[in-house]
Every structure is written in structure tokens, then in C-alpha cells.
Amino acid sequence: MSTRVPAYTSASSISRKEVRVESAGDTRFIICHNSEQAVRDRTQREQAIARIEAELERIASQRQRDRQRAKTDGDKAKQKAEASHVRAECALRDHPTLKRWIRQHASGRLAIDRAKVKAEQRLDGKYLLATSDPDIAAEDAALGYKNLLEAERGFRDFKFELLLRPVFHRLEHRIRAHVLICWLALLLTRVAELSCHQSWRTIRRDTGRLKQVTLAGHAGTITQTTPLRTDQQAIYQALSIEPPPRISAFDPS
């Protein structure tokens, strides 16, 4: 059982407990609890349960309406309607992310597996670490794993986000310059995450929605940006960056 610890997660939000298992020999197990991740796990599960409840209610309501119409439409229409309901239930039961909280009764009807939901509630924000070092402290072991995850995440960001491809260049000084620029870009993304307490993906998505448009009419041409939203304003304030002006150019005719 594992989970990714975001770069912007504060150390104070993670608690640790060491567990010894005799059958495991020299291996030590450390249970970590990330309170911020626990909130995210609970929110994602509640949203998924709400989706399942809404879909089950929709299927049940549609089945009831079709049964009322089947009294006048005949058996063929009734069988056709029931087949569509079964397909909808099968799609929900086989959903890649929602099926884990669904169980099927002997009658074929679906229901939320409340026992599974309750069991997963106890695991919110928790992950298990293992080490064979007899002397390292539990806090140092957790920090070491977190640093390892961040190093792996940095390599992925280098490779995919920042396109660290020295093969684009042939001369050594160009390769060195390219790597240095990518390293500085990675450093800026980590500073932005720590300052905003958000992932870089969220920061880039929200700021990317700010657009600049040019409008032309009888009075002239004006260049302006779209209105700044609250979440966008919070990002600029956290990074101490002045947002782009509302109107950047005006050329009266």
C-alpha cells in the first residue's frame, strides 16, 4: 500500500508509527499518515459514491417508468426496456474506478458496498514503508522515501514536462546550457508549488485559462486580458507576481 506525497505537503501533516512483525525477520514496517492526503482520499471517495448513487437512482426511476408504459406497450417493449437497464447496470458494475464500491445482489440488482466503503475510510491518507536498517529512525526512513519519490518525480518532470533532451544538440556547451535551463525551470516549478500549496499541474491549468484577446471596431482596436478569477488572483499573490494588466494596448481609429 503506497501513496504519493506531493511536493507541497508540509512535514507537520505526516505522522508515523513503527510496527514490528516477528515473522518478517529484520524488516521494520512504518505506518505513515498524511492528513492532507486523507482529506483528498475522503473527498474523492465521496464524489465517487455520489456518482454511483445518482446513477442507481436514475436506473431505478427509468425502470419504474418503463414498467408503467409496458402495461400498454406490450411484452416486446418491456423486454427491450429491461435490456437497456441491464446494460446500464453492467456498465456501472464494470466501471474502471467506480466498481470497487459496488456489489451485486443475487437478484442482479446493484448496491453500494457499505462495508468496503467503511474499510477504506480507515485507510485514508495511510501508507506503509519497509526498511531493513536497524538503526535509522522512523522519521528519517519516511523522509528518505519522500525524497526518493521527489527525485523520481523530478526525473519525470525533466523528461516529459520540460523536455530534457540533450540529443537536440550536438555541441557540449549547448547541451550544458539546455540542461541548466531545464534545471532552473524545475526549481521554479517546485518554488511555485511550495508557495501556492498546489501542484504544478493545477497552477499551469489555472493560469493557462487567462487569455489575451484583441477586439477591433469602429472606435479602434483594443487588446485586453480576460477577467482575473479568484483562484488565478490567489496564485499571483502567492508568487508575488503582478498579474497582466486588464488593457495592454488601445489604438483609436
Protein backbone atom coordinates (compact mmCIF):
# COMPACT_ATOMS: atom_id res chain seq x y z
CA MET A 1 0.00 0.00 0.00
CA SER A 2 1.55 3.31 -1.00
CA THR A 3 0.69 6.85 -1.91
CA ARG A 4 2.49 9.77 -3.45
CA VAL A 5 3.42 12.59 -1.09
CA PRO A 6 3.06 15.90 -3.00
CA ALA A 7 5.96 18.33 -3.01
CA TYR A 8 3.84 20.95 -1.26
CA THR A 9 2.83 18.64 1.63
CA SER A 10 4.06 20.03 4.94
CA ALA A 11 6.08 17.75 7.20
CA SER A 12 3.76 18.54 10.12
CA SER A 13 0.85 16.92 8.31
CA ILE A 14 2.51 13.46 8.35
CA SER A 15 2.52 11.21 11.45
CA ARG A 16 4.42 7.92 11.76
CA LYS A 17 4.23 4.71 13.79
CA GLU A 18 6.64 1.77 13.73
CA VAL A 19 5.30 -1.80 13.75
CA ARG A 20 7.35 -4.94 14.38
CA VAL A 21 6.36 -8.30 12.86
CA GLU A 22 8.24 -11.33 14.18
CA SER A 23 7.80 -13.37 11.00
CA ALA A 24 9.35 -10.55 8.94
CA GLY A 25 12.82 -11.00 10.45
CA ASP A 26 14.91 -7.83 10.40
CA THR A 27 12.40 -5.89 8.30
CA ARG A 28 10.82 -2.91 10.05
CA PHE A 29 7.46 -1.55 8.97
CA ILE A 30 6.50 2.10 9.37
CA ILE A 31 2.89 3.23 9.04
CA CYS A 32 2.61 6.85 7.90
CA HIS A 33 -0.49 9.01 7.93
CA ASN A 34 -0.72 12.09 5.72
CA SER A 35 -3.60 14.25 6.98
CA GLU A 36 -3.72 16.28 3.76
CA GLN A 37 -3.85 13.12 1.64
CA ALA A 38 -6.58 11.78 3.94
CA VAL A 39 -8.74 14.77 3.07
CA ARG A 40 -8.13 14.19 -0.65
CA ASP A 41 -8.91 10.46 -0.35
CA ARG A 42 -12.15 11.15 1.52
CA THR A 43 -13.23 13.82 -0.98
CA GLN A 44 -12.55 11.60 -4.00
CA ARG A 45 -14.43 8.69 -2.43
CA GLU A 46 -17.44 10.82 -1.51
CA GLN A 47 -17.61 12.17 -5.05
CA ALA A 48 -17.46 8.64 -6.46
CA ILE A 49 -20.20 7.41 -4.08
CA ALA A 50 -22.38 10.37 -5.08
CA ARG A 51 -21.95 9.42 -8.76
CA ILE A 52 -22.92 5.82 -8.05
CA GLU A 53 -25.99 6.83 -6.03
CA ALA A 54 -27.13 9.20 -8.77
CA GLU A 55 -26.72 6.55 -11.47
CA LEU A 56 -28.50 3.85 -9.44
CA GLU A 57 -31.36 6.25 -8.75
CA ARG A 58 -31.58 7.14 -12.44
CA ILE A 59 -31.72 3.47 -13.47
CA ALA A 60 -34.35 2.66 -10.84
CA SER A 61 -36.52 5.62 -11.83
CA GLN A 62 -36.28 4.80 -15.52
CA ARG A 63 -37.10 1.14 -14.85
CA GLN A 64 -40.21 2.16 -12.90
CA ARG A 65 -41.39 4.47 -15.70
CA ASP A 66 -40.81 1.78 -18.31
CA ARG A 67 -42.82 -0.71 -16.26
CA GLN A 68 -45.75 1.68 -16.24
CA ARG A 69 -45.54 2.14 -20.01
CA ALA A 70 -45.11 -1.61 -20.58
CA LYS A 71 -48.65 -2.20 -19.34
CA THR A 72 -49.90 -0.64 -22.57
CA ASP A 73 -46.93 -1.18 -24.93
CA GLY A 74 -46.73 -4.97 -24.62
CA ASP A 75 -44.12 -7.60 -23.73
CA LYS A 76 -41.73 -6.77 -26.57
CA ALA A 77 -41.32 -3.17 -25.43
CA LYS A 78 -40.93 -4.37 -21.84
CA GLN A 79 -38.11 -6.75 -22.77
CA LYS A 80 -36.35 -4.08 -24.82
CA ALA A 81 -36.51 -1.57 -21.96
CA GLU A 82 -35.26 -4.10 -19.41
CA ALA A 83 -32.34 -5.00 -21.66
CA SER A 84 -31.27 -1.35 -21.76
CA HIS A 85 -31.41 -1.15 -17.95
CA VAL A 86 -29.28 -4.27 -17.63
CA ARG A 87 -26.70 -2.77 -20.00
CA ALA A 88 -26.58 0.38 -17.88
CA GLU A 89 -26.09 -1.69 -14.72
CA CYS A 90 -23.34 -3.75 -16.36
CA ALA A 91 -21.56 -0.58 -17.47
CA LEU A 92 -21.69 0.76 -13.91
CA ARG A 93 -20.60 -2.56 -12.40
CA ASP A 94 -17.60 -2.76 -14.76
CA HIS A 95 -16.62 0.91 -14.46
CA PRO A 96 -12.81 1.08 -14.00
CA THR A 97 -12.95 3.40 -10.96
CA LEU A 98 -16.46 3.03 -9.52
CA LYS A 99 -16.79 -0.77 -9.48
CA ARG A 100 -14.68 -1.10 -6.33
CA TRP A 101 -17.56 0.27 -4.22
CA ILE A 102 -20.35 -1.73 -5.90
CA ARG A 103 -21.72 -5.17 -5.03
CA GLN A 104 -24.34 -7.19 -6.88
CA HIS A 105 -27.26 -8.92 -5.19
CA ALA A 106 -28.41 -12.41 -6.12
CA SER A 107 -31.30 -10.76 -7.98
CA GLY A 108 -28.84 -8.95 -10.22
CA ARG A 109 -29.53 -5.50 -8.78
CA LEU A 110 -26.59 -3.31 -7.78
CA ALA A 111 -25.94 -1.58 -4.47
CA ILE A 112 -23.14 0.34 -2.80
CA ASP A 113 -20.84 -1.91 -0.79
CA ARG A 114 -21.02 -0.03 2.52
CA ALA A 115 -18.65 -2.48 4.20
CA LYS A 116 -15.99 -1.74 1.55
CA VAL A 117 -16.54 1.99 1.95
CA LYS A 118 -16.16 1.72 5.73
CA ALA A 119 -12.99 -0.36 5.37
CA GLU A 120 -11.40 2.17 3.02
CA GLN A 121 -12.25 5.03 5.35
CA ARG A 122 -9.79 3.56 7.84
CA LEU A 123 -7.02 3.71 5.21
CA ASP A 124 -7.44 7.36 4.21
CA GLY A 125 -4.04 9.03 3.95
CA LYS A 126 -2.14 5.97 5.20
CA TYR A 127 0.74 4.19 3.51
CA LEU A 128 3.25 1.54 4.56
CA LEU A 129 7.04 1.74 4.38
CA ALA A 130 9.56 -1.04 4.95
CA THR A 131 13.25 -0.86 5.84
CA SER A 132 15.91 -3.36 6.91
CA ASP A 133 18.09 -0.71 8.57
CA PRO A 134 18.05 -1.45 12.32
CA ASP A 135 19.34 1.99 13.37
CA ILE A 136 17.53 4.53 11.20
CA ALA A 137 14.75 6.47 12.94
CA ALA A 138 11.20 6.16 11.68
CA GLU A 139 11.14 9.87 10.81
CA ASP A 140 14.35 9.55 8.78
CA ALA A 141 13.03 6.49 6.93
CA ALA A 142 9.83 8.32 5.98
CA LEU A 143 11.83 11.36 4.89
CA GLY A 144 14.13 9.15 2.82
CA TYR A 145 11.21 7.59 0.95
CA LYS A 146 9.69 11.03 0.40
CA ASN A 147 12.98 12.32 -1.01
CA LEU A 148 13.18 9.26 -3.28
CA LEU A 149 9.67 9.95 -4.60
CA GLU A 150 10.56 13.58 -5.21
CA ALA A 151 13.76 12.59 -7.05
CA GLU A 152 11.78 10.21 -9.29
CA ARG A 153 9.15 12.90 -9.82
CA GLY A 154 11.88 15.37 -10.76
CA PHE A 155 13.24 13.00 -13.42
CA ARG A 156 9.73 12.53 -14.85
CA ASP A 157 9.18 16.28 -14.98
CA PHE A 158 12.54 16.71 -16.66
CA LYS A 159 11.69 14.10 -19.27
CA PHE A 160 8.07 14.94 -20.03
CA GLU A 161 7.22 18.43 -18.74
CA LEU A 162 10.47 20.21 -19.57
CA LEU A 163 11.61 18.03 -22.49
CA LEU A 164 15.14 17.41 -21.23
CA ARG A 165 16.52 16.00 -24.49
CA PRO A 166 20.25 16.77 -24.84
CA VAL A 167 20.11 14.87 -28.16
CA PHE A 168 18.52 18.02 -29.57
CA HIS A 169 22.05 19.48 -29.51
CA ARG A 170 25.42 18.28 -30.70
CA LEU A 171 27.83 20.80 -29.15
CA GLU A 172 28.80 20.32 -25.50
CA HIS A 173 28.19 23.94 -24.44
CA ARG A 174 24.68 23.80 -25.94
CA ILE A 175 23.93 20.54 -24.08
CA ARG A 176 25.13 22.05 -20.80
CA ALA A 177 23.06 25.18 -21.35
CA HIS A 178 19.97 23.12 -22.18
CA VAL A 179 20.32 21.01 -19.01
CA LEU A 180 20.90 24.11 -16.88
CA ILE A 181 17.78 25.83 -18.24
CA CYS A 182 15.69 22.72 -17.58
CA TRP A 183 17.08 22.51 -14.03
CA LEU A 184 16.19 26.16 -13.38
CA ALA A 185 12.70 25.54 -14.77
CA LEU A 186 12.25 22.56 -12.43
CA LEU A 187 13.44 24.68 -9.50
CA LEU A 188 10.86 27.35 -10.36
CA THR A 189 8.05 24.79 -10.52
CA ARG A 190 8.96 23.49 -7.05
CA VAL A 191 9.10 27.04 -5.64
CA ALA A 192 5.69 27.73 -7.17
CA GLU A 193 4.22 24.54 -5.65
CA LEU A 194 5.56 25.34 -2.19
CA SER A 195 4.34 28.94 -2.37
CA CYS A 196 0.85 28.15 -3.68
CA HIS A 197 0.37 24.80 -1.85
CA GLN A 198 -0.87 23.36 -5.15
CA SER A 199 0.52 21.01 -7.74
CA TRP A 200 2.25 22.44 -10.79
CA ARG A 201 -0.42 20.88 -12.99
CA THR A 202 -3.11 22.88 -11.17
CA ILE A 203 -1.08 26.10 -11.29
CA ARG A 204 -0.41 25.73 -15.01
CA ARG A 205 -4.03 24.85 -15.76
CA ASP A 206 -5.49 27.80 -13.85
CA THR A 207 -3.06 30.39 -15.16
CA GLY A 208 -3.35 28.99 -18.67
CA ARG A 209 -7.01 29.91 -18.70
CA LEU A 210 -6.06 33.59 -18.64
CA LYS A 211 -6.23 34.71 -22.28
CA GLN A 212 -5.35 37.88 -24.16
CA VAL A 213 -7.72 38.95 -26.94
CA THR A 214 -7.73 41.74 -29.49
CA LEU A 215 -11.01 43.46 -30.35
CA ALA A 216 -11.44 45.71 -33.37
CA GLY A 217 -14.37 48.02 -34.05
CA HIS A 218 -15.37 51.46 -35.30
CA ALA A 219 -13.80 53.13 -32.25
CA GLY A 220 -10.42 51.45 -32.78
CA THR A 221 -8.52 48.34 -31.67
CA ILE A 222 -8.05 47.25 -28.06
CA THR A 223 -6.01 44.41 -26.58
CA GLN A 224 -7.13 43.12 -23.20
CA THR A 225 -6.96 40.05 -20.99
CA THR A 226 -9.89 38.03 -19.72
CA PRO A 227 -11.11 38.92 -16.19
CA LEU A 228 -8.90 37.56 -13.43
CA ARG A 229 -10.65 34.86 -11.39
CA THR A 230 -10.29 34.40 -7.66
CA ASP A 231 -8.09 31.27 -7.92
CA GLN A 232 -5.87 32.95 -10.50
CA GLN A 233 -5.52 36.04 -8.32
CA ALA A 234 -4.51 33.83 -5.37
CA ILE A 235 -1.73 32.23 -7.43
CA TYR A 236 -0.28 35.60 -8.49
CA GLN A 237 -0.42 36.88 -4.91
CA ALA A 238 1.27 33.75 -3.51
CA LEU A 239 4.09 34.08 -6.04
CA SER A 240 4.37 37.89 -5.56
CA ILE A 241 3.87 38.38 -9.30
CA GLU A 242 1.96 41.32 -10.74
CA PRO A 243 -0.88 39.96 -12.92
CA PRO A 244 -1.09 41.17 -16.52
CA PRO A 245 -2.97 44.45 -16.98
CA ARG A 246 -6.61 44.30 -17.96
CA ILE A 247 -5.93 46.51 -21.02
CA SER A 248 -2.48 46.31 -22.57
CA ALA A 249 -2.98 48.28 -25.79
CA PHE A 250 -5.52 50.71 -27.31
CA ASP A 251 -5.29 52.15 -30.80
CA PRO A 252 -8.18 54.55 -31.56
CA SER A 253 -9.10 54.86 -35.21
